[in-house]
Protein backbone atom coordinates (compact mmCIF):
# COMPACT_ATOMS: atom_id res chain seq x y z
CA MET A 1 14.94 -3.39 13.64
CA THR A 2 18.69 -3.66 13.89
CA ASN A 3 20.89 -4.79 16.74
CA PRO A 4 21.04 -1.60 18.83
CA GLN A 5 24.32 -2.53 20.48
CA GLN A 6 26.15 -3.13 17.19
CA HIS A 7 24.27 -1.27 14.47
CA PRO A 8 21.97 1.35 16.03
CA PHE A 9 20.93 2.64 12.64
CA PRO A 10 21.71 1.26 9.19
CA ALA A 11 23.76 4.37 8.57
CA GLN A 12 26.20 3.05 5.95
CA SER A 13 23.69 1.34 3.63
CA ARG A 14 23.35 2.69 0.10
CA ARG A 15 20.01 4.09 -0.98
CA SER A 16 19.56 1.27 -3.48
CA SER A 17 20.23 -1.33 -0.79
CA ARG A 18 17.76 0.31 1.57
CA SER A 19 15.14 0.37 -1.17
CA ALA A 20 15.69 -3.30 -2.01
CA ALA A 21 15.48 -4.29 1.66
CA GLU A 22 12.22 -2.40 2.21
CA PHE A 23 10.76 -3.86 -0.99
CA ALA A 24 11.74 -7.41 -0.01
CA GLY A 25 10.55 -7.10 3.57
CA THR A 26 7.18 -5.65 2.57
CA PHE A 27 6.78 -8.31 -0.11
CA LEU A 28 7.37 -10.98 2.53
CA LEU A 29 4.90 -9.34 4.91
CA VAL A 30 2.07 -9.05 2.37
CA PHE A 31 2.74 -12.38 0.70
CA GLY A 32 2.69 -14.20 4.03
CA LEU A 33 -0.27 -12.34 5.50
CA ILE A 34 -2.58 -12.37 2.47
CA GLY A 35 -1.51 -15.85 1.45
CA ALA A 36 -2.43 -17.14 4.88
CA ALA A 37 -5.71 -15.22 4.89
CA LEU A 38 -6.84 -16.56 1.52
CA LEU A 39 -5.26 -20.01 1.38
CA THR A 40 -4.85 -21.50 4.85
CA SER A 41 -7.29 -19.72 7.16
CA PRO A 42 -10.52 -20.91 5.45
CA ASP A 43 -12.05 -24.28 6.31
CA ASP A 44 -12.48 -25.07 2.63
CA ASN A 45 -9.90 -24.91 -0.14
CA GLY A 46 -12.46 -24.69 -2.92
CA ARG A 47 -12.66 -28.41 -3.57
CA ALA A 48 -12.77 -30.12 -0.20
CA PRO A 49 -12.88 -29.35 3.53
CA GLN A 50 -9.56 -28.61 5.18
CA PRO A 51 -8.46 -27.77 8.71
CA GLY A 52 -8.30 -24.00 8.35
CA THR A 53 -6.12 -21.98 10.72
CA GLY A 54 -8.63 -19.13 11.14
CA LEU A 55 -7.62 -15.79 12.61
CA LEU A 56 -4.87 -17.43 14.66
CA GLY A 57 -3.03 -18.50 11.52
CA VAL A 58 -3.33 -15.05 9.93
CA ALA A 59 -2.03 -13.27 13.03
CA LEU A 60 0.89 -15.68 13.37
CA ALA A 61 1.71 -15.42 9.67
CA LEU A 62 2.15 -11.67 9.95
CA GLY A 63 4.13 -11.85 13.17
CA LEU A 64 6.48 -14.50 11.78
CA ALA A 65 6.90 -12.68 8.46
CA VAL A 66 7.84 -9.43 10.18
CA THR A 67 10.20 -11.25 12.54
CA ALA A 68 11.96 -13.02 9.66
CA GLY A 69 12.11 -9.87 7.56
CA GLY A 70 13.44 -7.84 10.46
CA PHE A 71 16.31 -10.22 11.12
CA ALA A 72 17.07 -10.61 7.41
CA PHE A 73 16.73 -7.06 6.11
CA GLY A 74 16.73 -4.92 9.25
CA PRO A 75 20.53 -4.47 9.26
CA VAL A 76 20.27 -2.93 5.78
CA SER A 77 17.31 -0.56 6.03
CA GLY A 78 16.08 -0.72 9.61
CA GLY A 79 13.32 -3.16 8.66
CA HIS A 80 10.31 -0.83 8.56
CA PHE A 81 8.16 -2.51 5.86
CA ASN A 82 5.43 -0.04 6.78
CA PRO A 83 4.98 3.67 5.94
CA ALA A 84 3.62 4.28 9.44
CA VAL A 85 6.82 2.94 11.01
CA THR A 86 8.88 5.02 8.58
CA LEU A 87 6.96 8.16 9.54
CA GLY A 88 7.37 7.40 13.24
CA THR A 89 11.11 6.85 12.98
CA ALA A 90 11.52 10.04 10.95
CA ILE A 91 9.60 12.10 13.51
CA ALA A 92 11.73 10.51 16.24
CA ARG A 93 14.88 11.54 14.32
CA ARG A 94 15.89 7.95 13.68
CA LEU A 95 15.68 8.33 9.88
CA PRO A 96 16.55 11.33 7.68
CA TRP A 97 13.44 12.88 6.17
CA ARG A 98 14.96 12.82 2.69
CA LEU A 99 14.84 9.01 2.78
CA VAL A 100 11.14 8.83 3.66
CA PRO A 101 9.85 8.99 0.04
CA LEU A 102 12.30 6.25 -0.99
CA TYR A 103 11.13 4.00 1.84
CA VAL A 104 7.42 4.59 1.25
CA LEU A 105 7.67 3.98 -2.50
CA SER A 106 9.67 0.79 -1.96
CA GLN A 107 7.15 -0.44 0.59
CA ALA A 108 4.18 0.31 -1.67
CA LEU A 109 5.76 -1.53 -4.59
CA GLY A 110 6.80 -4.46 -2.41
CA GLY A 111 3.27 -4.78 -1.02
CA LEU A 112 1.71 -4.68 -4.49
CA ALA A 113 4.15 -7.32 -5.69
CA GLY A 114 3.34 -9.55 -2.72
CA ALA A 115 -0.40 -9.25 -3.34
CA ALA A 116 0.13 -9.92 -7.05
CA ALA A 117 2.05 -13.09 -6.22
CA VAL A 118 -0.81 -14.33 -4.04
CA PHE A 119 -3.29 -13.40 -6.78
CA GLY A 120 -1.29 -15.52 -9.20
CA LEU A 121 -1.35 -18.50 -6.84
CA VAL A 122 -5.07 -18.21 -6.16
CA SER A 123 -5.71 -17.94 -9.90
CA GLY A 124 -4.37 -21.47 -10.24
CA ALA A 125 -7.05 -22.90 -7.95
CA PRO A 126 -9.95 -24.83 -9.50
CA GLY A 127 -13.29 -23.21 -10.17
CA ASP A 128 -13.84 -19.53 -9.49
CA THR A 129 -11.69 -19.36 -6.36
CA VAL A 130 -9.94 -16.19 -7.45
CA GLY A 131 -13.23 -14.55 -8.40
CA LYS A 132 -14.67 -15.28 -4.97
CA ALA A 133 -11.52 -13.94 -3.29
CA VAL A 134 -11.73 -10.70 -5.26
CA ALA A 135 -15.47 -10.38 -4.68
CA ALA A 136 -14.84 -10.69 -0.94
CA GLY A 137 -12.25 -7.90 -1.11
CA PHE A 138 -9.05 -9.93 -1.37
CA ALA A 139 -8.51 -9.63 2.40
CA SER A 140 -8.81 -5.84 2.19
CA ASN A 141 -9.54 -3.55 5.11
CA GLY A 142 -12.91 -1.92 5.49
CA PHE A 143 -15.59 -0.45 7.74
CA ASP A 144 -19.40 -0.57 7.88
CA GLY A 145 -20.59 -3.21 5.40
CA GLN A 146 -17.00 -4.06 4.43
CA SER A 147 -15.93 -4.75 8.01
CA PRO A 148 -15.77 -8.43 9.03
CA GLY A 149 -17.79 -7.59 12.15
CA LEU A 150 -19.74 -4.73 10.54
CA TYR A 151 -17.95 -2.15 12.69
CA GLY A 152 -18.44 1.51 11.83
CA LEU A 153 -15.87 4.16 11.03
CA LEU A 154 -15.29 5.30 14.62
CA PRO A 155 -14.17 1.95 16.11
CA VAL A 156 -12.14 1.21 12.99
CA ALA A 157 -10.37 4.58 13.23
CA ALA A 158 -9.77 4.00 16.94
CA VAL A 159 -8.28 0.53 16.58
CA GLU A 160 -6.02 1.60 13.71
CA THR A 161 -4.76 4.63 15.62
CA VAL A 162 -4.23 2.86 18.94
CA ALA A 163 -2.78 -0.37 17.56
CA THR A 164 -0.36 1.44 15.25
CA ALA A 165 0.72 3.74 18.08
CA ILE A 166 1.49 0.70 20.23
CA LEU A 167 3.44 -0.87 17.38
CA VAL A 168 5.54 2.24 16.79
CA LEU A 169 6.20 2.67 20.52
CA VAL A 170 7.52 -0.89 20.61
CA VAL A 171 9.65 -0.27 17.51
CA LEU A 172 11.18 2.87 19.01
CA ALA A 173 11.80 1.18 22.35
CA THR A 174 13.33 -2.05 21.05
CA THR A 175 15.56 -0.29 18.50
CA HIS A 176 16.74 2.47 20.83
CA PRO A 177 20.51 2.99 20.38
CA THR A 178 21.31 2.27 24.04
CA LYS A 179 18.15 0.80 25.57
CA GLY A 180 17.13 -1.48 22.71
CA THR A 181 17.46 -5.23 22.34
CA PRO A 182 19.17 -7.45 19.74
CA VAL A 183 15.92 -9.46 19.45
CA ALA A 184 13.90 -6.41 18.40
CA PRO A 185 12.41 -8.13 15.31
CA LEU A 186 11.01 -10.92 17.50
CA VAL A 187 9.45 -8.48 19.97
CA ILE A 188 7.96 -6.43 17.14
CA GLY A 189 6.59 -9.55 15.46
CA LEU A 190 4.95 -10.69 18.69
CA THR A 191 3.46 -7.22 19.16
CA LEU A 192 1.93 -7.34 15.69
CA THR A 193 0.48 -10.78 16.41
CA VAL A 194 -1.24 -9.48 19.53
CA MET A 195 -2.54 -6.39 17.73
CA LEU A 196 -4.02 -8.58 14.98
CA PHE A 197 -5.93 -10.63 17.53
CA VAL A 198 -7.73 -7.40 18.41
CA ALA A 199 -8.04 -5.75 15.00
CA LEU A 200 -8.77 -8.63 12.62
CA PRO A 201 -12.45 -9.00 13.58
CA ILE A 202 -12.95 -5.24 13.39
CA ASP A 203 -11.44 -4.25 10.03
CA ASN A 204 -9.13 -7.07 8.87
CA ALA A 205 -6.24 -5.29 10.63
CA SER A 206 -4.21 -2.82 8.62
CA LEU A 207 -1.73 -0.91 10.84
CA ASN A 208 0.16 -0.53 7.56
CA PRO A 209 -0.88 1.65 4.60
CA ALA A 210 1.28 -0.38 2.19
CA ARG A 211 -0.56 -3.58 3.14
CA SER A 212 -3.94 -1.87 2.72
CA LEU A 213 -3.04 -0.41 -0.67
CA ALA A 214 -1.82 -3.79 -1.91
CA THR A 215 -5.05 -5.64 -1.17
CA ALA A 216 -7.44 -2.80 -2.08
CA ALA A 217 -5.82 -2.64 -5.51
CA PHE A 218 -7.03 -6.20 -6.12
CA GLY A 219 -10.26 -5.88 -4.14
CA GLY A 220 -11.66 -3.21 -6.43
CA PRO A 221 -13.27 0.24 -6.27
CA HIS A 222 -15.43 -0.33 -3.18
CA TRP A 223 -12.34 -1.14 -1.13
CA LEU A 224 -10.23 1.57 -2.72
CA ALA A 225 -12.92 4.08 -1.71
CA GLN A 226 -12.27 3.25 1.96
CA LEU A 227 -8.48 3.08 1.64
CA TRP A 228 -8.05 6.63 3.01
CA VAL A 229 -9.03 5.42 6.49
CA PHE A 230 -6.18 2.91 6.50
CA ILE A 231 -3.70 5.55 5.45
CA VAL A 232 -4.76 8.43 7.68
CA PHE A 233 -5.26 6.67 11.01
CA PRO A 234 -2.17 4.41 11.01
CA LEU A 235 -0.08 7.48 10.17
CA LEU A 236 -1.82 9.41 12.94
CA GLY A 237 -1.07 6.65 15.44
CA ALA A 238 2.56 6.56 14.34
CA ALA A 239 2.94 10.33 14.75
CA ILE A 240 1.39 10.24 18.22
CA ALA A 241 3.73 7.44 19.30
CA ALA A 242 6.81 9.18 17.91
CA LEU A 243 5.97 12.40 19.76
CA LEU A 244 5.17 10.63 23.01
CA TYR A 245 8.07 8.17 23.18
CA PRO A 246 10.94 10.59 23.91
CA ARG A 247 8.84 12.45 26.46
CA LEU A 248 7.66 9.36 28.32
CA PHE A 249 10.44 6.81 28.02
CA ALA A 250 13.66 8.54 26.97
CA PRO A 251 13.44 12.25 27.80
CA HIS A 252 17.18 12.72 28.09
CA ASP A 253 18.57 10.25 25.58
CA ASP A 254 16.31 11.35 22.75
CA ALA A 255 16.68 15.07 23.38
CA PRO A 256 18.28 17.01 20.53
CA ALA A 257 22.03 16.58 20.71
CA PRO A 258 24.07 19.72 21.29
CA ALA A 259 25.97 21.00 18.32
CA ALA A 260 29.41 19.43 18.00
CA PRO A 261 32.21 21.81 18.82
CA VAL A 262 34.10 23.13 15.85
CA SER A 263 37.76 22.39 16.01
CA ARG A 264 39.88 25.12 14.57
CA ARG A 265 43.53 25.00 13.93
CA THR A 266 45.25 28.31 13.72
CA SER A 267 48.81 28.85 12.93
CA PRO A 268 50.71 31.80 11.62
CA GLY A 269 49.98 32.19 7.95
CA SER A 270 47.44 29.34 7.80
CA ARG A 271 43.64 29.29 7.44
CA SER A 272 41.16 28.10 10.04
CA GLN A 273 39.98 24.54 9.37
CA LYS A 274 36.72 22.86 10.38
CA SER A 275 36.40 19.17 11.08
CA VAL A 276 33.31 17.95 9.27
CA ALA A 277 31.96 14.42 9.73
CA PRO A 278 30.75 12.61 6.63
CA SER A 279 27.01 12.17 6.11
CA PRO A 280 25.98 8.81 7.60
CA ASP A 281 22.94 8.16 5.46
CA GLU A 282 24.24 7.88 1.96
């Protein structure tokens, strides 16, 4: 989610800086999303009625969190905050594969920390507010009886695959080195908001395995048992998008680059020399 005209890829960031940026961005995403879902969307705060924001507030919270995180941390790590986005960018050759485990681990830990922070806040509410939140799944994703609208596995798998594919297509398009836009984080945040309007009533909207892991860890074993769905199908959607994007929207620009010519200097009594560019991802 960097400025494509100035910093196409966060090539010069250290691994530790990338890890910190992905941790912080995912923390912000989960903290904002789950905090809004548990604290501001209901019409009751546990003691008295309140004007809850409903699904609109939850969708906007995620979109705004991703937008803010993208502008703040995108120049450091690319602003993925989502293992599905990381997989998509790796398949599209926008991220070295050796960095994928670092990104995914940082995202998982950031999401768990964000959910833990919300858990701590809810624990300070009067009565058994935290117990009720955990009993309801702590805003986890689910299907069948654990779906908000009691949707089965098939529609849940479909919405996770399609919505994540759309998200990754938008990420690849807006962060393209030559065709992208400096306001990529805003466009991506708006896309997520729209996707949540569709997916929230179906399965509480994952599109992000790190987000699903974070809430299922606090929701308990019933939610953890369904977590695989919200890992497999977002990753599937991301892979589909990454394979389709260069063929549909950038067939020439995203084609494998030809090997750089090797410059050799030869002189009497001297060895041939190769010009080797430094690795850009360390």
